[in-house]
Amino acid sequence: MITFFNPETISLTPAQRREETEAFRYIANCMHLFGLCRYKRCYRDQTCLHDPRECVARFAPLAPRGARDFMRVMLDGRMNNLDFDRMKEGHEDEMEDLVHWRTLVENAREPGSVELTYLFEREEDEEEEM
């Protein structure tokens, strides 16, 4: 499994580096991080066209924990050649978090959007309850 921000990846071969970049691009695209990207081309084309590590490092931590967990499940499933239905078994709640996150990102650039602010307030409330 590819881990986020692993210092061991410094010594990757060029082929391994490309594979890692594609994994980060997969994460960025599945999480719709292009909707928050500062590069207009990524936003306009609705796909990661820049360095995906930058968007994943900047924006993935903003997503709900369940959405991030489901991305790890999806990456593991992809690396183990599991079909989507098998991969998502037992992770339906996390999948819903990812779907909700993607909807929020899609709506984030609408004029007057406050949905992302609501999400952050909800996460803070949940942490206070713990």
N, C-alpha and C. Protein backbone atom coordinates (compact mmCIF):
# COMPACT_ATOMS: atom_id res chain seq x y z
N MET A 1 0.84 -1.18 0.00
CA MET A 1 0.00 0.00 0.00
C MET A 1 0.88 1.24 0.00
N ILE A 2 0.52 2.21 -0.78
CA ILE A 2 1.24 3.47 -0.80
C ILE A 2 0.79 4.29 0.39
N THR A 3 1.76 4.77 1.14
CA THR A 3 1.42 5.58 2.31
C THR A 3 1.65 7.04 1.98
N PHE A 4 0.89 7.89 2.61
CA PHE A 4 1.02 9.32 2.39
C PHE A 4 2.29 9.83 3.06
N PHE A 5 3.09 10.60 2.34
CA PHE A 5 4.23 11.33 2.88
C PHE A 5 5.22 10.41 3.59
N ASN A 6 5.60 9.36 2.93
CA ASN A 6 6.54 8.40 3.48
C ASN A 6 7.95 8.80 3.06
N PRO A 7 8.86 9.04 4.02
CA PRO A 7 10.22 9.45 3.66
C PRO A 7 10.96 8.41 2.83
N GLU A 8 10.54 7.16 2.90
CA GLU A 8 11.20 6.11 2.12
C GLU A 8 10.99 6.29 0.62
N THR A 9 9.99 7.09 0.23
CA THR A 9 9.72 7.27 -1.20
C THR A 9 10.74 8.17 -1.87
N ILE A 10 11.65 8.76 -1.11
CA ILE A 10 12.67 9.62 -1.70
C ILE A 10 13.56 8.81 -2.64
N SER A 11 13.80 7.55 -2.32
CA SER A 11 14.71 6.73 -3.13
C SER A 11 13.98 5.89 -4.18
N LEU A 12 12.81 6.30 -4.60
CA LEU A 12 12.07 5.54 -5.60
C LEU A 12 12.74 5.63 -6.97
N THR A 13 12.60 4.56 -7.74
CA THR A 13 13.05 4.59 -9.13
C THR A 13 12.08 5.45 -9.93
N PRO A 14 12.47 5.88 -11.13
CA PRO A 14 11.53 6.67 -11.94
C PRO A 14 10.21 5.94 -12.21
N ALA A 15 10.25 4.64 -12.43
CA ALA A 15 9.02 3.88 -12.66
C ALA A 15 8.15 3.86 -11.40
N GLN A 16 8.77 3.68 -10.26
CA GLN A 16 8.02 3.69 -9.00
C GLN A 16 7.45 5.08 -8.72
N ARG A 17 8.22 6.11 -9.05
CA ARG A 17 7.75 7.48 -8.85
C ARG A 17 6.52 7.76 -9.72
N ARG A 18 6.54 7.28 -10.99
CA ARG A 18 5.37 7.45 -11.86
C ARG A 18 4.16 6.72 -11.30
N GLU A 19 4.38 5.51 -10.79
CA GLU A 19 3.29 4.74 -10.20
C GLU A 19 2.71 5.46 -8.99
N GLU A 20 3.58 6.02 -8.17
CA GLU A 20 3.13 6.76 -7.00
C GLU A 20 2.35 8.01 -7.42
N THR A 21 2.85 8.71 -8.44
CA THR A 21 2.17 9.91 -8.94
C THR A 21 0.78 9.55 -9.43
N GLU A 22 0.66 8.43 -10.15
CA GLU A 22 -0.66 8.01 -10.63
C GLU A 22 -1.59 7.65 -9.48
N ALA A 23 -1.04 7.08 -8.40
CA ALA A 23 -1.87 6.78 -7.23
C ALA A 23 -2.38 8.08 -6.60
N PHE A 24 -1.51 9.07 -6.48
CA PHE A 24 -1.94 10.36 -5.95
C PHE A 24 -2.95 11.02 -6.88
N ARG A 25 -2.77 10.90 -8.19
CA ARG A 25 -3.73 11.48 -9.14
C ARG A 25 -5.08 10.78 -9.00
N TYR A 26 -5.06 9.46 -8.80
CA TYR A 26 -6.29 8.70 -8.58
C TYR A 26 -7.02 9.23 -7.34
N ILE A 27 -6.27 9.46 -6.25
CA ILE A 27 -6.85 10.00 -5.02
C ILE A 27 -7.45 11.39 -5.28
N ALA A 28 -6.66 12.24 -5.92
CA ALA A 28 -7.11 13.62 -6.18
C ALA A 28 -8.38 13.62 -7.04
N ASN A 29 -8.42 12.77 -8.05
CA ASN A 29 -9.60 12.74 -8.92
C ASN A 29 -10.81 12.13 -8.22
N CYS A 30 -10.60 11.05 -7.48
CA CYS A 30 -11.73 10.42 -6.78
C CYS A 30 -12.33 11.34 -5.71
N MET A 31 -11.48 12.15 -5.10
CA MET A 31 -11.96 13.06 -4.06
C MET A 31 -12.40 14.41 -4.65
N HIS A 32 -12.33 14.54 -5.96
CA HIS A 32 -12.70 15.78 -6.67
C HIS A 32 -11.92 16.98 -6.16
N LEU A 33 -10.65 16.77 -5.85
CA LEU A 33 -9.83 17.87 -5.35
C LEU A 33 -9.57 18.92 -6.42
N PHE A 34 -9.78 18.56 -7.68
CA PHE A 34 -9.64 19.54 -8.75
C PHE A 34 -10.62 20.70 -8.57
N GLY A 35 -11.69 20.47 -7.85
CA GLY A 35 -12.66 21.53 -7.59
C GLY A 35 -12.16 22.58 -6.62
N LEU A 36 -11.08 22.27 -5.91
CA LEU A 36 -10.49 23.21 -4.96
C LEU A 36 -9.12 23.69 -5.43
N CYS A 37 -8.63 23.13 -6.50
CA CYS A 37 -7.28 23.40 -6.99
C CYS A 37 -7.14 24.85 -7.45
N ARG A 38 -5.95 25.39 -7.24
CA ARG A 38 -5.71 26.78 -7.65
C ARG A 38 -5.41 26.90 -9.14
N TYR A 39 -5.21 25.77 -9.81
CA TYR A 39 -4.94 25.80 -11.24
C TYR A 39 -6.25 25.73 -12.01
N LYS A 40 -6.53 26.77 -12.75
CA LYS A 40 -7.81 26.87 -13.47
C LYS A 40 -8.02 25.71 -14.42
N ARG A 41 -6.96 25.24 -15.03
CA ARG A 41 -7.10 24.15 -16.01
C ARG A 41 -7.62 22.87 -15.34
N CYS A 42 -7.13 22.57 -14.15
CA CYS A 42 -7.60 21.38 -13.43
C CYS A 42 -9.10 21.52 -13.12
N TYR A 43 -9.47 22.70 -12.63
CA TYR A 43 -10.88 22.95 -12.28
C TYR A 43 -11.75 22.87 -13.53
N ARG A 44 -11.31 23.52 -14.59
CA ARG A 44 -12.09 23.58 -15.83
C ARG A 44 -12.26 22.18 -16.44
N ASP A 45 -11.17 21.40 -16.49
CA ASP A 45 -11.23 20.06 -17.10
C ASP A 45 -11.72 18.99 -16.13
N GLN A 46 -11.91 19.35 -14.88
CA GLN A 46 -12.39 18.45 -13.82
C GLN A 46 -11.56 17.18 -13.72
N THR A 47 -10.26 17.38 -13.72
CA THR A 47 -9.31 16.29 -13.50
C THR A 47 -7.99 16.90 -13.07
N CYS A 48 -7.19 16.15 -12.36
CA CYS A 48 -5.90 16.62 -11.90
C CYS A 48 -4.92 16.64 -13.07
N LEU A 49 -4.43 17.82 -13.42
CA LEU A 49 -3.49 17.97 -14.52
C LEU A 49 -2.14 18.51 -14.04
N HIS A 50 -2.03 18.79 -12.78
CA HIS A 50 -0.81 19.34 -12.20
C HIS A 50 -0.19 18.26 -11.32
N ASP A 51 0.60 18.65 -10.34
CA ASP A 51 1.21 17.69 -9.43
C ASP A 51 0.16 17.28 -8.39
N PRO A 52 -0.32 16.03 -8.44
CA PRO A 52 -1.39 15.62 -7.52
C PRO A 52 -0.97 15.60 -6.06
N ARG A 53 0.33 15.46 -5.80
CA ARG A 53 0.78 15.45 -4.40
C ARG A 53 0.43 16.77 -3.71
N GLU A 54 0.54 17.87 -4.46
CA GLU A 54 0.25 19.19 -3.90
C GLU A 54 -1.20 19.27 -3.44
N CYS A 55 -2.14 18.86 -4.30
CA CYS A 55 -3.56 18.93 -3.93
C CYS A 55 -3.91 17.94 -2.83
N VAL A 56 -3.35 16.76 -2.89
CA VAL A 56 -3.64 15.77 -1.84
C VAL A 56 -3.12 16.27 -0.50
N ALA A 57 -1.91 16.81 -0.49
CA ALA A 57 -1.34 17.32 0.77
C ALA A 57 -2.13 18.50 1.30
N ARG A 58 -2.60 19.35 0.41
CA ARG A 58 -3.30 20.56 0.83
C ARG A 58 -4.76 20.30 1.20
N PHE A 59 -5.46 19.51 0.38
CA PHE A 59 -6.91 19.44 0.52
C PHE A 59 -7.46 18.14 1.12
N ALA A 60 -6.78 17.02 0.95
CA ALA A 60 -7.31 15.77 1.49
C ALA A 60 -7.52 15.82 3.00
N PRO A 61 -6.64 16.49 3.77
CA PRO A 61 -6.89 16.57 5.22
C PRO A 61 -8.18 17.31 5.58
N LEU A 62 -8.72 18.09 4.64
CA LEU A 62 -9.97 18.81 4.91
C LEU A 62 -11.20 17.91 4.81
N ALA A 63 -11.04 16.79 4.13
CA ALA A 63 -12.17 15.86 3.93
C ALA A 63 -12.47 15.14 5.24
N PRO A 64 -13.71 14.72 5.42
CA PRO A 64 -14.06 13.96 6.62
C PRO A 64 -13.22 12.68 6.72
N ARG A 65 -12.98 12.26 7.92
CA ARG A 65 -12.15 11.08 8.16
C ARG A 65 -12.68 9.86 7.39
N GLY A 66 -13.98 9.69 7.35
CA GLY A 66 -14.56 8.55 6.64
C GLY A 66 -14.25 8.58 5.16
N ALA A 67 -14.26 9.76 4.56
CA ALA A 67 -13.93 9.89 3.13
C ALA A 67 -12.48 9.51 2.89
N ARG A 68 -11.59 9.96 3.77
CA ARG A 68 -10.17 9.61 3.63
C ARG A 68 -9.97 8.11 3.83
N ASP A 69 -10.68 7.54 4.80
CA ASP A 69 -10.57 6.10 5.03
C ASP A 69 -11.05 5.32 3.82
N PHE A 70 -12.13 5.77 3.21
CA PHE A 70 -12.64 5.07 2.03
C PHE A 70 -11.66 5.17 0.87
N MET A 71 -10.96 6.28 0.76
CA MET A 71 -9.95 6.39 -0.30
C MET A 71 -8.85 5.36 -0.09
N ARG A 72 -8.47 5.12 1.16
CA ARG A 72 -7.46 4.08 1.43
C ARG A 72 -7.98 2.70 1.03
N VAL A 73 -9.26 2.46 1.33
CA VAL A 73 -9.88 1.19 0.94
C VAL A 73 -9.89 1.07 -0.58
N MET A 74 -10.24 2.16 -1.27
CA MET A 74 -10.28 2.13 -2.74
C MET A 74 -8.89 1.89 -3.32
N LEU A 75 -7.87 2.51 -2.75
CA LEU A 75 -6.51 2.30 -3.23
C LEU A 75 -6.08 0.86 -3.02
N ASP A 76 -6.36 0.33 -1.83
CA ASP A 76 -6.02 -1.08 -1.58
C ASP A 76 -6.75 -1.99 -2.55
N GLY A 77 -8.04 -1.73 -2.77
CA GLY A 77 -8.81 -2.55 -3.70
C GLY A 77 -8.27 -2.47 -5.11
N ARG A 78 -7.89 -1.27 -5.51
CA ARG A 78 -7.33 -1.09 -6.86
C ARG A 78 -6.01 -1.84 -7.00
N MET A 79 -5.17 -1.76 -5.98
CA MET A 79 -3.86 -2.42 -6.03
C MET A 79 -4.00 -3.94 -5.98
N ASN A 80 -5.09 -4.43 -5.39
CA ASN A 80 -5.32 -5.88 -5.29
C ASN A 80 -6.30 -6.38 -6.34
N ASN A 81 -6.61 -5.53 -7.32
CA ASN A 81 -7.49 -5.88 -8.44
C ASN A 81 -8.87 -6.38 -7.99
N LEU A 82 -9.42 -5.76 -6.95
CA LEU A 82 -10.76 -6.12 -6.50
C LEU A 82 -11.78 -5.31 -7.28
N ASP A 83 -12.92 -5.92 -7.59
CA ASP A 83 -13.98 -5.14 -8.22
C ASP A 83 -14.61 -4.24 -7.16
N PHE A 84 -15.28 -3.20 -7.61
CA PHE A 84 -15.79 -2.17 -6.71
C PHE A 84 -16.75 -2.74 -5.67
N ASP A 85 -17.65 -3.63 -6.08
CA ASP A 85 -18.63 -4.18 -5.14
C ASP A 85 -17.96 -4.96 -4.00
N ARG A 86 -16.94 -5.74 -4.33
CA ARG A 86 -16.22 -6.48 -3.27
C ARG A 86 -15.44 -5.53 -2.38
N MET A 87 -14.84 -4.54 -3.01
CA MET A 87 -14.00 -3.61 -2.28
C MET A 87 -14.79 -2.80 -1.26
N LYS A 88 -16.01 -2.40 -1.61
CA LYS A 88 -16.78 -1.52 -0.72
C LYS A 88 -17.51 -2.26 0.40
N GLU A 89 -17.53 -3.59 0.35
CA GLU A 89 -18.23 -4.37 1.39
C GLU A 89 -17.72 -3.99 2.77
N GLY A 90 -18.65 -3.63 3.64
CA GLY A 90 -18.30 -3.26 5.00
C GLY A 90 -17.84 -1.83 5.16
N HIS A 91 -17.83 -1.08 4.08
CA HIS A 91 -17.36 0.31 4.12
C HIS A 91 -18.40 1.28 3.56
N GLU A 92 -19.65 0.93 3.68
CA GLU A 92 -20.71 1.75 3.10
C GLU A 92 -20.79 3.13 3.73
N ASP A 93 -20.59 3.23 5.05
CA ASP A 93 -20.65 4.54 5.71
C ASP A 93 -19.53 5.45 5.23
N GLU A 94 -18.33 4.89 5.12
CA GLU A 94 -17.20 5.67 4.62
C GLU A 94 -17.43 6.10 3.17
N MET A 95 -18.05 5.22 2.38
CA MET A 95 -18.35 5.56 1.00
C MET A 95 -19.33 6.74 0.95
N GLU A 96 -20.32 6.74 1.83
CA GLU A 96 -21.26 7.86 1.90
C GLU A 96 -20.55 9.16 2.26
N ASP A 97 -19.55 9.07 3.15
CA ASP A 97 -18.78 10.27 3.50
C ASP A 97 -18.05 10.81 2.27
N LEU A 98 -17.49 9.92 1.46
CA LEU A 98 -16.80 10.36 0.25
C LEU A 98 -17.78 10.98 -0.74
N VAL A 99 -18.94 10.37 -0.91
CA VAL A 99 -19.94 10.92 -1.83
C VAL A 99 -20.38 12.30 -1.34
N HIS A 100 -20.58 12.44 -0.04
CA HIS A 100 -20.98 13.74 0.52
C HIS A 100 -19.87 14.77 0.30
N TRP A 101 -18.63 14.40 0.55
CA TRP A 101 -17.50 15.30 0.34
C TRP A 101 -17.44 15.76 -1.12
N ARG A 102 -17.59 14.82 -2.05
CA ARG A 102 -17.53 15.18 -3.47
C ARG A 102 -18.63 16.17 -3.83
N THR A 103 -19.81 15.98 -3.27
CA THR A 103 -20.91 16.91 -3.51
C THR A 103 -20.58 18.30 -2.97
N LEU A 104 -20.01 18.34 -1.78
CA LEU A 104 -19.62 19.62 -1.20
C LEU A 104 -18.59 20.33 -2.07
N VAL A 105 -17.61 19.59 -2.55
CA VAL A 105 -16.58 20.19 -3.39
C VAL A 105 -17.18 20.69 -4.70
N GLU A 106 -18.07 19.90 -5.28
CA GLU A 106 -18.71 20.32 -6.53
C GLU A 106 -19.48 21.63 -6.35
N ASN A 107 -20.07 21.82 -5.18
CA ASN A 107 -20.86 23.02 -4.92
C ASN A 107 -20.06 24.16 -4.32
N ALA A 108 -18.79 23.91 -3.98
CA ALA A 108 -18.00 24.89 -3.24
C ALA A 108 -17.77 26.19 -4.00
N ARG A 109 -17.70 26.13 -5.31
CA ARG A 109 -17.41 27.35 -6.07
C ARG A 109 -18.67 28.10 -6.51
N GLU A 110 -19.80 27.61 -6.08
CA GLU A 110 -21.04 28.33 -6.38
C GLU A 110 -21.06 29.61 -5.55
N PRO A 111 -21.53 30.71 -6.12
CA PRO A 111 -21.60 31.97 -5.36
C PRO A 111 -22.39 31.79 -4.06
N GLY A 112 -21.82 32.26 -2.98
CA GLY A 112 -22.50 32.21 -1.69
C GLY A 112 -22.49 30.85 -1.02
N SER A 113 -21.66 29.93 -1.52
CA SER A 113 -21.63 28.59 -0.94
C SER A 113 -21.06 28.63 0.48
N VAL A 114 -21.78 28.00 1.38
CA VAL A 114 -21.31 27.91 2.77
C VAL A 114 -21.23 26.45 3.21
N GLU A 115 -21.41 25.53 2.28
CA GLU A 115 -21.47 24.13 2.65
C GLU A 115 -20.16 23.61 3.24
N LEU A 116 -19.01 24.03 2.70
CA LEU A 116 -17.75 23.57 3.26
C LEU A 116 -17.56 24.11 4.66
N THR A 117 -17.98 25.34 4.90
CA THR A 117 -17.91 25.90 6.24
C THR A 117 -18.74 25.05 7.20
N TYR A 118 -19.93 24.65 6.76
CA TYR A 118 -20.79 23.80 7.58
C TYR A 118 -20.09 22.49 7.90
N LEU A 119 -19.41 21.91 6.91
CA LEU A 119 -18.73 20.64 7.13
C LEU A 119 -17.67 20.79 8.21
N PHE A 120 -16.88 21.86 8.15
CA PHE A 120 -15.82 22.04 9.14
C PHE A 120 -16.41 22.24 10.52
N GLU A 121 -17.51 22.97 10.62
CA GLU A 121 -18.16 23.16 11.92
C GLU A 121 -18.66 21.83 12.45
N ARG A 122 -19.21 20.98 11.57
CA ARG A 122 -19.71 19.68 11.99
C ARG A 122 -18.57 18.82 12.52
N GLU A 123 -17.43 18.82 11.83
CA GLU A 123 -16.28 18.03 12.27
C GLU A 123 -15.80 18.52 13.64
N GLU A 124 -15.75 19.84 13.84
CA GLU A 124 -15.32 20.40 15.12
C GLU A 124 -16.28 19.98 16.23
N ASP A 125 -17.59 20.02 15.95
CA ASP A 125 -18.59 19.61 16.93
C ASP A 125 -18.40 18.15 17.33
N GLU A 126 -18.13 17.29 16.33
CA GLU A 126 -17.94 15.87 16.59
C GLU A 126 -16.71 15.64 17.46
N GLU A 127 -15.62 16.40 17.22
CA GLU A 127 -14.41 16.25 18.01
C GLU A 127 -14.63 16.69 19.44
N GLU A 128 -15.43 17.76 19.64
CA GLU A 128 -15.72 18.24 20.99
C GLU A 128 -16.53 17.22 21.79
N GLU A 129 -17.39 16.47 21.09
CA GLU A 129 -18.22 15.47 21.78
C GLU A 129 -17.39 14.29 22.25
N MET A 130 -16.26 14.04 21.61
CA MET A 130 -15.43 12.88 21.96
C MET A 130 -14.65 13.12 23.18
